[in-house]
């Protein structure tokens, strides 16, 4: 896999999840983190309370923006929704990678824009028992790998997958395929509701390009220090992977 070439590239590997309920709270966190973080994820919680306003402001301030919207609908709706997101000038957008038609519709909506589409494979809070309740007989690992292969075959830019599947997905795709890994928990921290968590070092060594971190930074007494500590672990892991 292609490693980051510069310190600036490494600094973009960390994506801080702004999983908070309001624009004011999210903007305060961004201000506190300052130049320690260059990439932010805006999900459904914040989206409907100033999230798009913040996305535009982050974009205009030179930050990278990941809209975690997890689209899943009929093809016509997905295509038109992605087309509108592409006009915002954000960097990443998620679509559930559950079927080929949805992914193909998203590709049509993306068009020639620079927006990167990410197929969500299996949510990191789900276990094999959870999938069985949904009528899925595959393990989380096998399902994530199958969906990643499907996304890759359609031409989707990458996937969201736990670090436990990253290595297998990397081997099944290529170095240009983007793997974004949530459920990251620094050594010694609690896993919260993440059933398939990994440390930053483990996820990078497994082949992830970007790590999504929320609560370990948002709930830290010193958020900036927590972010910088994770950045340092990521940088060391990339150096280790190169050696």
C-alpha atoms as a PDB file:
ATOM      1  CA  UNK A   1       0.000   0.000   0.000  1.00  0.00           C
ATOM      2  CA  UNK A   2       1.115   3.533  -0.713  1.00  0.00           C
ATOM      3  CA  UNK A   3       2.256   5.302   2.449  1.00  0.00           C
ATOM      4  CA  UNK A   4       1.971   9.049   3.073  1.00  0.00           C
ATOM      5  CA  UNK A   5       4.847  10.946   1.515  1.00  0.00           C
ATOM      6  CA  UNK A   6       5.012  13.903   3.910  1.00  0.00           C
ATOM      7  CA  UNK A   7       4.172  14.934   7.462  1.00  0.00           C
ATOM      8  CA  UNK A   8       1.181  16.821   6.027  1.00  0.00           C
ATOM      9  CA  UNK A   9      -0.149  13.598   4.517  1.00  0.00           C
ATOM     10  CA  UNK A  10       0.239  11.806   7.853  1.00  0.00           C
ATOM     11  CA  UNK A  11      -1.634  14.610   9.597  1.00  0.00           C
ATOM     12  CA  UNK A  12      -4.626  13.915   7.369  1.00  0.00           C
ATOM     13  CA  UNK A  13      -4.783  10.281   8.468  1.00  0.00           C
ATOM     14  CA  UNK A  14      -6.640  11.220  11.661  1.00  0.00           C
ATOM     15  CA  UNK A  15     -10.308  12.104  11.180  1.00  0.00           C
ATOM     16  CA  UNK A  16     -11.979  13.514  14.281  1.00  0.00           C
ATOM     17  CA  UNK A  17     -15.647  12.593  14.540  1.00  0.00           C
ATOM     18  CA  UNK A  18     -17.683  15.620  15.591  1.00  0.00           C
ATOM     19  CA  UNK A  19     -20.363  13.460  17.199  1.00  0.00           C
ATOM     20  CA  UNK A  20     -21.963  16.255  19.193  1.00  0.00           C
ATOM     21  CA  UNK A  21     -25.501  17.655  19.037  1.00  0.00           C
ATOM     22  CA  UNK A  22     -24.970  21.268  18.006  1.00  0.00           C
ATOM     23  CA  UNK A  23     -23.046  23.599  15.735  1.00  0.00           C
ATOM     24  CA  UNK A  24     -21.815  25.687  18.679  1.00  0.00           C
ATOM     25  CA  UNK A  25     -20.335  22.687  20.489  1.00  0.00           C
ATOM     26  CA  UNK A  26     -18.713  21.338  17.326  1.00  0.00           C
ATOM     27  CA  UNK A  27     -17.250  24.718  16.377  1.00  0.00           C
ATOM     28  CA  UNK A  28     -15.796  25.083  19.880  1.00  0.00           C
ATOM     29  CA  UNK A  29     -14.092  21.682  19.556  1.00  0.00           C
ATOM     30  CA  UNK A  30     -12.638  22.624  16.177  1.00  0.00           C
ATOM     31  CA  UNK A  31     -11.318  25.842  17.682  1.00  0.00           C
ATOM     32  CA  UNK A  32      -9.780  23.977  20.613  1.00  0.00           C
ATOM     33  CA  UNK A  33      -8.049  21.447  18.361  1.00  0.00           C
ATOM     34  CA  UNK A  34      -6.708  24.144  16.036  1.00  0.00           C
ATOM     35  CA  UNK A  35      -3.902  23.026  13.754  1.00  0.00           C
ATOM     36  CA  UNK A  36      -3.614  19.669  15.542  1.00  0.00           C
ATOM     37  CA  UNK A  37      -6.383  18.269  13.298  1.00  0.00           C
ATOM     38  CA  UNK A  38      -6.953  18.745   9.575  1.00  0.00           C
ATOM     39  CA  UNK A  39      -9.827  16.338   8.891  1.00  0.00           C
ATOM     40  CA  UNK A  40     -13.302  16.172  10.455  1.00  0.00           C
ATOM     41  CA  UNK A  41     -16.276  13.843  10.185  1.00  0.00           C
ATOM     42  CA  UNK A  42     -19.802  15.211  10.399  1.00  0.00           C
ATOM     43  CA  UNK A  43     -22.456  12.572  11.018  1.00  0.00           C
ATOM     44  CA  UNK A  44     -26.214  12.419  11.308  1.00  0.00           C
ATOM     45  CA  UNK A  45     -26.408  13.830  14.839  1.00  0.00           C
ATOM     46  CA  UNK A  46     -24.765  17.119  13.891  1.00  0.00           C
ATOM     47  CA  UNK A  47     -25.967  17.223  10.300  1.00  0.00           C
ATOM     48  CA  UNK A  48     -29.441  18.428  11.260  1.00  0.00           C
ATOM     49  CA  UNK A  49     -28.260  21.079  13.679  1.00  0.00           C
ATOM     50  CA  UNK A  50     -25.769  23.184  11.758  1.00  0.00           C
ATOM     51  CA  UNK A  51     -23.643  20.388  10.327  1.00  0.00           C
ATOM     52  CA  UNK A  52     -23.762  21.571   6.723  1.00  0.00           C
ATOM     53  CA  UNK A  53     -22.986  25.128   7.801  1.00  0.00           C
ATOM     54  CA  UNK A  54     -19.934  23.845   9.673  1.00  0.00           C
ATOM     55  CA  UNK A  55     -18.915  21.676   6.716  1.00  0.00           C
ATOM     56  CA  UNK A  56     -18.796  24.739   4.479  1.00  0.00           C
ATOM     57  CA  UNK A  57     -16.839  26.726   7.062  1.00  0.00           C
ATOM     58  CA  UNK A  58     -14.309  23.923   7.537  1.00  0.00           C
ATOM     59  CA  UNK A  59     -13.921  23.613   3.778  1.00  0.00           C
ATOM     60  CA  UNK A  60     -13.371  27.344   3.402  1.00  0.00           C
ATOM     61  CA  UNK A  61     -10.788  27.211   6.214  1.00  0.00           C
ATOM     62  CA  UNK A  62      -8.768  24.618   4.336  1.00  0.00           C
ATOM     63  CA  UNK A  63      -9.851  21.623   6.421  1.00  0.00           C
ATOM     64  CA  UNK A  64     -10.942  18.295   4.944  1.00  0.00           C
ATOM     65  CA  UNK A  65     -14.548  17.200   5.515  1.00  0.00           C
ATOM     66  CA  UNK A  66     -16.097  13.731   5.685  1.00  0.00           C
ATOM     67  CA  UNK A  67     -19.910  13.648   5.535  1.00  0.00           C
ATOM     68  CA  UNK A  68     -20.967  10.369   7.120  1.00  0.00           C
ATOM     69  CA  UNK A  69     -24.486  10.180   5.699  1.00  0.00           C
ATOM     70  CA  UNK A  70     -24.653   6.438   4.929  1.00  0.00           C
ATOM     71  CA  UNK A  71     -27.028   6.759   1.977  1.00  0.00           C
ATOM     72  CA  UNK A  72     -29.251   3.771   1.203  1.00  0.00           C
ATOM     73  CA  UNK A  73     -32.327   4.198  -0.989  1.00  0.00           C
ATOM     74  CA  UNK A  74     -33.552   3.542  -4.498  1.00  0.00           C
ATOM     75  CA  UNK A  75     -30.970   4.316  -7.147  1.00  0.00           C
ATOM     76  CA  UNK A  76     -32.610   7.490  -8.448  1.00  0.00           C
ATOM     77  CA  UNK A  77     -32.689   9.029  -4.970  1.00  0.00           C
ATOM     78  CA  UNK A  78     -29.104   8.049  -4.155  1.00  0.00           C
ATOM     79  CA  UNK A  79     -27.810   9.405  -7.464  1.00  0.00           C
ATOM     80  CA  UNK A  80     -29.472  12.807  -7.016  1.00  0.00           C
ATOM     81  CA  UNK A  81     -28.484  13.075  -3.352  1.00  0.00           C
ATOM     82  CA  UNK A  82     -24.832  12.317  -4.117  1.00  0.00           C
ATOM     83  CA  UNK A  83     -24.886  14.841  -6.954  1.00  0.00           C
ATOM     84  CA  UNK A  84     -25.968  17.530  -4.498  1.00  0.00           C
ATOM     85  CA  UNK A  85     -23.335  16.532  -1.941  1.00  0.00           C
ATOM     86  CA  UNK A  86     -20.658  16.711  -4.645  1.00  0.00           C
ATOM     87  CA  UNK A  87     -21.541  20.382  -5.152  1.00  0.00           C
ATOM     88  CA  UNK A  88     -20.619  21.133  -1.537  1.00  0.00           C
ATOM     89  CA  UNK A  89     -16.921  20.570  -2.134  1.00  0.00           C
ATOM     90  CA  UNK A  90     -16.474  18.102   0.727  1.00  0.00           C
ATOM     91  CA  UNK A  91     -13.987  15.242   0.530  1.00  0.00           C
ATOM     92  CA  UNK A  92     -15.590  11.963   1.698  1.00  0.00           C
ATOM     93  CA  UNK A  93     -19.168  10.655   1.644  1.00  0.00           C
ATOM     94  CA  UNK A  94     -20.505   7.302   2.840  1.00  0.00           C
ATOM     95  CA  UNK A  95     -22.985   4.969   1.153  1.00  0.00           C
ATOM     96  CA  UNK A  96     -24.092   1.621   2.558  1.00  0.00           C
ATOM     97  CA  UNK A  97     -22.363  -1.062   0.475  1.00  0.00           C
ATOM     98  CA  UNK A  98     -25.218  -3.537   0.616  1.00  0.00           C
ATOM     99  CA  UNK A  99     -25.958  -3.887  -3.101  1.00  0.00           C
ATOM    100  CA  UNK A 100     -24.412  -3.073  -6.458  1.00  0.00           C
ATOM    101  CA  UNK A 101     -27.273  -0.857  -7.675  1.00  0.00           C
ATOM    102  CA  UNK A 102     -26.899   1.572  -4.784  1.00  0.00           C
ATOM    103  CA  UNK A 103     -23.152   1.852  -5.338  1.00  0.00           C
ATOM    104  CA  UNK A 104     -23.516   2.324  -9.078  1.00  0.00           C
ATOM    105  CA  UNK A 105     -26.119   5.048  -8.538  1.00  0.00           C
ATOM    106  CA  UNK A 106     -23.737   6.831  -6.171  1.00  0.00           C
ATOM    107  CA  UNK A 107     -21.005   6.649  -8.808  1.00  0.00           C
ATOM    108  CA  UNK A 108     -23.332   8.236 -11.338  1.00  0.00           C
ATOM    109  CA  UNK A 109     -24.147  11.031  -8.903  1.00  0.00           C
ATOM    110  CA  UNK A 110     -20.495  11.678  -8.148  1.00  0.00           C
ATOM    111  CA  UNK A 111     -19.727  12.244 -11.821  1.00  0.00           C
ATOM    112  CA  UNK A 112     -16.374  13.904 -12.439  1.00  0.00           C
ATOM    113  CA  UNK A 113     -16.228  15.633  -9.051  1.00  0.00           C
ATOM    114  CA  UNK A 114     -13.343  15.156  -6.604  1.00  0.00           C
ATOM    115  CA  UNK A 115     -15.677  13.669  -3.986  1.00  0.00           C
ATOM    116  CA  UNK A 116     -14.504  10.285  -2.670  1.00  0.00           C
ATOM    117  CA  UNK A 117     -17.220   7.701  -2.107  1.00  0.00           C
ATOM    118  CA  UNK A 118     -16.815   5.211   0.724  1.00  0.00           C
ATOM    119  CA  UNK A 119     -18.896   2.061   1.007  1.00  0.00           C
ATOM    120  CA  UNK A 120     -19.867   1.193   4.577  1.00  0.00           C
ATOM    121  CA  UNK A 121     -19.176  -2.520   5.000  1.00  0.00           C
ATOM    122  CA  UNK A 122     -20.194  -3.595   8.530  1.00  0.00           C
ATOM    123  CA  UNK A 123     -20.742  -1.173  11.403  1.00  0.00           C
ATOM    124  CA  UNK A 124     -18.083  -1.631  14.063  1.00  0.00           C
ATOM    125  CA  UNK A 125     -20.613  -2.095  16.871  1.00  0.00           C
ATOM    126  CA  UNK A 126     -22.088  -5.218  15.230  1.00  0.00           C
ATOM    127  CA  UNK A 127     -21.207  -8.774  16.191  1.00  0.00           C
ATOM    128  CA  UNK A 128     -21.951 -12.076  14.482  1.00  0.00           C
ATOM    129  CA  UNK A 129     -25.043 -12.419  16.680  1.00  0.00           C
ATOM    130  CA  UNK A 130     -26.291  -9.033  15.533  1.00  0.00           C
ATOM    131  CA  UNK A 131     -25.868 -10.045  11.897  1.00  0.00           C
ATOM    132  CA  UNK A 132     -27.709 -13.312  12.548  1.00  0.00           C
ATOM    133  CA  UNK A 133     -30.664 -11.288  13.842  1.00  0.00           C
ATOM    134  CA  UNK A 134     -30.657  -9.509  10.478  1.00  0.00           C
ATOM    135  CA  UNK A 135     -30.753 -12.845   8.668  1.00  0.00           C
ATOM    136  CA  UNK A 136     -27.073 -12.679   7.666  1.00  0.00           C
ATOM    137  CA  UNK A 137     -25.192 -15.940   8.100  1.00  0.00           C
ATOM    138  CA  UNK A 138     -21.739 -14.565   7.310  1.00  0.00           C
ATOM    139  CA  UNK A 139     -19.301 -13.429   9.981  1.00  0.00           C
ATOM    140  CA  UNK A 140     -18.578  -9.693  10.236  1.00  0.00           C
ATOM    141  CA  UNK A 141     -15.173 -10.333   8.647  1.00  0.00           C
ATOM    142  CA  UNK A 142     -16.525 -12.286   5.673  1.00  0.00           C
ATOM    143  CA  UNK A 143     -19.401  -9.866   5.088  1.00  0.00           C
ATOM    144  CA  UNK A 144     -17.101  -6.827   5.233  1.00  0.00           C
ATOM    145  CA  UNK A 145     -14.678  -8.437   2.796  1.00  0.00           C
ATOM    146  CA  UNK A 146     -17.442  -9.399   0.360  1.00  0.00           C
ATOM    147  CA  UNK A 147     -18.918  -5.908   0.416  1.00  0.00           C
ATOM    148  CA  UNK A 148     -15.479  -4.324  -0.006  1.00  0.00           C
ATOM    149  CA  UNK A 149     -14.829  -6.484  -3.062  1.00  0.00           C
ATOM    150  CA  UNK A 150     -18.181  -5.442  -4.482  1.00  0.00           C
ATOM    151  CA  UNK A 151     -17.449  -1.751  -3.897  1.00  0.00           C
ATOM    152  CA  UNK A 152     -14.016  -2.129  -5.458  1.00  0.00           C
ATOM    153  CA  UNK A 153     -15.489  -3.882  -8.477  1.00  0.00           C
ATOM    154  CA  UNK A 154     -18.002  -1.082  -9.021  1.00  0.00           C
ATOM    155  CA  UNK A 155     -15.248   1.531  -8.868  1.00  0.00           C
ATOM    156  CA  UNK A 156     -16.063   3.038  -5.469  1.00  0.00           C
ATOM    157  CA  UNK A 157     -13.065   4.915  -4.014  1.00  0.00           C
ATOM    158  CA  UNK A 158     -12.878   2.996  -0.763  1.00  0.00           C
ATOM    159  CA  UNK A 159     -14.682   1.571   2.232  1.00  0.00           C
ATOM    160  CA  UNK A 160     -15.322   2.081   5.896  1.00  0.00           C
ATOM    161  CA  UNK A 161     -14.282  -1.074   7.728  1.00  0.00           C
ATOM    162  CA  UNK A 162     -12.925  -2.088  11.091  1.00  0.00           C
ATOM    163  CA  UNK A 163      -9.210  -2.631  11.480  1.00  0.00           C
ATOM    164  CA  UNK A 164      -9.876  -6.348  11.864  1.00  0.00           C
ATOM    165  CA  UNK A 165     -10.814  -6.520   8.177  1.00  0.00           C
ATOM    166  CA  UNK A 166      -8.345  -3.939   6.841  1.00  0.00           C
ATOM    167  CA  UNK A 167      -5.552  -6.352   5.963  1.00  0.00           C
ATOM    168  CA  UNK A 168      -7.813  -8.741   4.059  1.00  0.00           C
ATOM    169  CA  UNK A 169      -9.474  -5.842   2.217  1.00  0.00           C
ATOM    170  CA  UNK A 170      -6.110  -4.387   1.257  1.00  0.00           C
ATOM    171  CA  UNK A 171      -5.004  -7.748  -0.145  1.00  0.00           C
ATOM    172  CA  UNK A 172      -8.262  -8.072  -2.112  1.00  0.00           C
ATOM    173  CA  UNK A 173      -8.067  -4.587  -3.667  1.00  0.00           C
ATOM    174  CA  UNK A 174      -5.065  -2.356  -4.413  1.00  0.00           C
ATOM    175  CA  UNK A 175      -2.950   0.443  -2.941  1.00  0.00           C
ATOM    176  CA  UNK A 176      -5.214   3.181  -4.305  1.00  0.00           C
ATOM    177  CA  UNK A 177      -8.313   1.822  -2.534  1.00  0.00           C
ATOM    178  CA  UNK A 178      -9.011   3.956   0.545  1.00  0.00           C
ATOM    179  CA  UNK A 179      -9.682   2.178   3.829  1.00  0.00           C
ATOM    180  CA  UNK A 180     -11.192   4.312   6.585  1.00  0.00           C
ATOM    181  CA  UNK A 181     -11.290   2.642   9.985  1.00  0.00           C
ATOM    182  CA  UNK A 182     -13.589   3.721  12.832  1.00  0.00           C
ATOM    183  CA  UNK A 183     -13.811   2.105  16.253  1.00  0.00           C
ATOM    184  CA  UNK A 184     -10.326   3.314  17.155  1.00  0.00           C
ATOM    185  CA  UNK A 185      -9.429   3.213  20.827  1.00  0.00           C
ATOM    186  CA  UNK A 186      -5.979   4.196  22.112  1.00  0.00           C
ATOM    187  CA  UNK A 187      -4.223   1.664  24.333  1.00  0.00           C
ATOM    188  CA  UNK A 188      -5.696   1.634  27.821  1.00  0.00           C
ATOM    189  CA  UNK A 189      -8.989   3.320  26.901  1.00  0.00           C
ATOM    190  CA  UNK A 190     -12.459   1.776  27.088  1.00  0.00           C
ATOM    191  CA  UNK A 191     -14.049   0.275  23.969  1.00  0.00           C
ATOM    192  CA  UNK A 192     -17.486   1.799  24.782  1.00  0.00           C
ATOM    193  CA  UNK A 193     -20.020   0.259  22.357  1.00  0.00           C
ATOM    194  CA  UNK A 194     -17.424  -0.735  19.760  1.00  0.00           C
ATOM    195  CA  UNK A 195     -17.446  -4.512  19.410  1.00  0.00           C
ATOM    196  CA  UNK A 196     -14.493  -4.622  16.991  1.00  0.00           C
ATOM    197  CA  UNK A 197     -12.101  -1.928  18.154  1.00  0.00           C
ATOM    198  CA  UNK A 198      -8.365  -1.488  17.454  1.00  0.00           C
ATOM    199  CA  UNK A 199      -5.581   0.796  18.582  1.00  0.00           C
ATOM    200  CA  UNK A 200      -4.277   3.402  16.102  1.00  0.00           C
ATOM    201  CA  UNK A 201      -1.019   1.481  15.647  1.00  0.00           C
ATOM    202  CA  UNK A 202      -2.808  -1.807  14.986  1.00  0.00           C
ATOM    203  CA  UNK A 203      -5.145  -0.270  12.417  1.00  0.00           C
ATOM    204  CA  UNK A 204      -2.383   1.495  10.472  1.00  0.00           C
ATOM    205  CA  UNK A 205      -0.229  -1.628  10.432  1.00  0.00           C
ATOM    206  CA  UNK A 206      -3.247  -3.584   9.165  1.00  0.00           C
ATOM    207  CA  UNK A 207      -3.464  -1.283   6.126  1.00  0.00           C
ATOM    208  CA  UNK A 208      -5.857   1.536   7.032  1.00  0.00           C
ATOM    209  CA  UNK A 209      -5.365   4.941   5.388  1.00  0.00           C
ATOM    210  CA  UNK A 210      -7.495   7.013   7.761  1.00  0.00           C
ATOM    211  CA  UNK A 211      -8.641   6.498  11.354  1.00  0.00           C
ATOM    212  CA  UNK A 212     -11.892   7.945  12.691  1.00  0.00           C
ATOM    213  CA  UNK A 213     -11.664   8.878  16.360  1.00  0.00           C
ATOM    214  CA  UNK A 214     -14.482  10.407  18.360  1.00  0.00           C
ATOM    215  CA  UNK A 215     -14.971   9.857  22.071  1.00  0.00           C
ATOM    216  CA  UNK A 216     -11.292   9.265  23.015  1.00  0.00           C
ATOM    217  CA  UNK A 217     -10.651  12.852  21.874  1.00  0.00           C
ATOM    218  CA  UNK A 218     -14.011  14.521  22.565  1.00  0.00           C
ATOM    219  CA  UNK A 219     -14.175  13.329  26.183  1.00  0.00           C
ATOM    220  CA  UNK A 220     -10.481  13.869  26.973  1.00  0.00           C
ATOM    221  CA  UNK A 221      -9.574  16.487  29.629  1.00  0.00           C
ATOM    222  CA  UNK A 222      -7.206  18.029  27.062  1.00  0.00           C
ATOM    223  CA  UNK A 223      -8.606  17.367  23.597  1.00  0.00           C
ATOM    224  CA  UNK A 224      -5.686  18.887  21.735  1.00  0.00           C
ATOM    225  CA  UNK A 225      -3.176  16.742  23.626  1.00  0.00           C
ATOM    226  CA  UNK A 226      -5.275  13.631  23.028  1.00  0.00           C
ATOM    227  CA  UNK A 227      -5.365  14.377  19.296  1.00  0.00           C
ATOM    228  CA  UNK A 228      -1.623  15.027  19.137  1.00  0.00           C
ATOM    229  CA  UNK A 229      -0.893  11.806  21.037  1.00  0.00           C
ATOM    230  CA  UNK A 230      -2.916   9.845  18.479  1.00  0.00           C
ATOM    231  CA  UNK A 231      -1.226  11.734  15.623  1.00  0.00           C
ATOM    232  CA  UNK A 232       2.152  10.699  17.041  1.00  0.00           C
ATOM    233  CA  UNK A 233       1.059   7.060  17.283  1.00  0.00           C
ATOM    234  CA  UNK A 234      -0.188   7.173  13.694  1.00  0.00           C
ATOM    235  CA  UNK A 235       3.069   8.710  12.461  1.00  0.00           C
ATOM    236  CA  UNK A 236       5.141   6.085  14.261  1.00  0.00           C
ATOM    237  CA  UNK A 237       2.965   3.315  12.820  1.00  0.00           C
ATOM    238  CA  UNK A 238       3.394   4.609   9.259  1.00  0.00           C
ATOM    239  CA  UNK A 239       7.165   4.687   9.797  1.00  0.00           C
ATOM    240  CA  UNK A 240       7.026   1.143  11.161  1.00  0.00           C
ATOM    241  CA  UNK A 241       4.998  -0.017   8.189  1.00  0.00           C
ATOM    242  CA  UNK A 242       7.559   1.408   5.771  1.00  0.00           C
ATOM    243  CA  UNK A 243      10.477  -0.314   7.469  1.00  0.00           C
END
